[in-house]
Protein backbone atom coordinates (compact mmCIF):
# COMPACT_ATOMS: atom_id res chain seq x y z
CA UNK A 1 77.32 -44.54 -133.41
CA UNK A 2 74.35 -45.03 -130.96
CA UNK A 3 76.45 -45.14 -127.87
CA UNK A 4 78.33 -41.92 -128.84
CA UNK A 5 75.24 -40.08 -130.09
CA UNK A 6 72.66 -41.04 -127.21
CA UNK A 7 74.90 -42.27 -124.31
CA UNK A 8 77.58 -39.62 -124.49
CA UNK A 9 80.37 -41.95 -125.03
CA UNK A 10 83.81 -40.44 -126.31
CA UNK A 11 84.36 -39.50 -129.93
CA UNK A 12 86.62 -42.59 -130.64
CA UNK A 13 83.28 -44.79 -130.19
CA UNK A 14 81.55 -42.59 -132.40
CA UNK A 15 84.39 -42.84 -135.02
CA UNK A 16 84.32 -46.66 -134.76
CA UNK A 17 80.53 -46.74 -135.09
CA UNK A 18 80.76 -44.41 -138.12
CA UNK A 19 83.43 -46.50 -139.75
CA UNK A 20 81.35 -49.60 -139.29
CA UNK A 21 78.36 -48.00 -140.80
CA UNK A 22 80.42 -46.91 -143.96
CA UNK A 23 81.71 -50.38 -144.36
CA UNK A 24 78.21 -51.85 -143.75
CA UNK A 25 77.12 -49.78 -147.00
CA UNK A 26 80.18 -50.29 -149.02
CA UNK A 27 80.92 -54.04 -148.54
CA UNK A 28 78.05 -55.14 -150.78
CA UNK A 29 79.14 -53.24 -153.75
CA UNK A 30 82.03 -55.61 -154.04
CA UNK A 31 80.16 -58.86 -154.41
CA UNK A 32 80.26 -60.60 -157.70
CA UNK A 33 76.64 -61.40 -157.66
CA UNK A 34 73.71 -59.38 -158.83
CA UNK A 35 73.96 -56.22 -156.65
CA UNK A 36 70.09 -55.98 -155.75
CA UNK A 37 69.89 -59.62 -154.82
CA UNK A 38 73.14 -59.20 -152.50
CA UNK A 39 71.73 -56.13 -150.86
CA UNK A 40 68.28 -57.62 -150.36
CA UNK A 41 70.00 -60.74 -148.66
CA UNK A 42 72.25 -58.38 -146.68
CA UNK A 43 68.89 -56.52 -145.45
CA UNK A 44 67.34 -59.82 -144.31
CA UNK A 45 70.46 -60.70 -142.54
CA UNK A 46 70.43 -57.38 -140.83
CA UNK A 47 66.85 -57.80 -139.64
CA UNK A 48 67.81 -61.06 -137.87
CA UNK A 49 71.26 -59.77 -136.52
CA UNK A 50 69.47 -56.61 -135.32
CA UNK A 51 66.99 -58.94 -133.15
CA UNK A 52 69.95 -60.92 -131.76
CA UNK A 53 71.84 -57.84 -130.85
CA UNK A 54 68.95 -56.32 -129.13
CA UNK A 55 68.61 -59.70 -127.22
CA UNK A 56 72.31 -60.00 -126.38
CA UNK A 57 73.27 -56.31 -125.74
CA UNK A 58 70.08 -54.34 -124.91
CA UNK A 59 68.57 -57.37 -123.03
CA UNK A 60 65.33 -56.99 -124.99
CA UNK A 61 64.05 -60.55 -125.97
CA UNK A 62 62.35 -60.87 -129.13
CA UNK A 63 58.78 -61.91 -129.04
CA UNK A 64 57.08 -64.36 -131.19
CA UNK A 65 56.27 -61.72 -133.96
CA UNK A 66 59.83 -60.62 -134.00
CA UNK A 67 60.86 -64.30 -134.51
CA UNK A 68 58.15 -64.91 -137.26
CA UNK A 69 59.01 -61.61 -139.02
CA UNK A 70 62.79 -62.60 -138.93
CA UNK A 71 61.90 -65.90 -140.36
CA UNK A 72 59.75 -64.42 -143.15
CA UNK A 73 62.81 -62.10 -143.90
CA UNK A 74 65.08 -65.30 -144.18
CA UNK A 75 62.58 -67.17 -146.48
CA UNK A 76 62.52 -63.94 -148.60
CA UNK A 77 66.29 -63.91 -148.79
CA UNK A 78 66.18 -67.63 -149.82
CA UNK A 79 63.67 -67.05 -152.60
CA UNK A 80 65.72 -64.03 -153.95
CA UNK A 81 68.98 -65.56 -153.77
CA UNK A 82 68.15 -69.28 -154.76
CA UNK A 83 65.40 -69.11 -157.03
CA UNK A 84 65.91 -70.75 -160.39
CA UNK A 85 66.38 -68.13 -163.08
CA UNK A 86 67.14 -68.47 -166.79
CA UNK A 87 70.82 -67.80 -167.53
């Protein structure tokens, strides 16, 4: 979407981006686990993948605060997903 909206790429690029965004929002609803937990884990993964995307595609290396923040997100995901809970 960004390439179409901001960089003036052709409409098929925008359509592919829009489809990806819709799937990004719909896929977590099909998980068997608790939706809120799955979506929280999805969000943590999104933060990390966003930084990796920025490094690989935009050539913007994450700084130490980005790395620490991403690590905190992953720790939060682990707590949300794997904390012992009463059945």
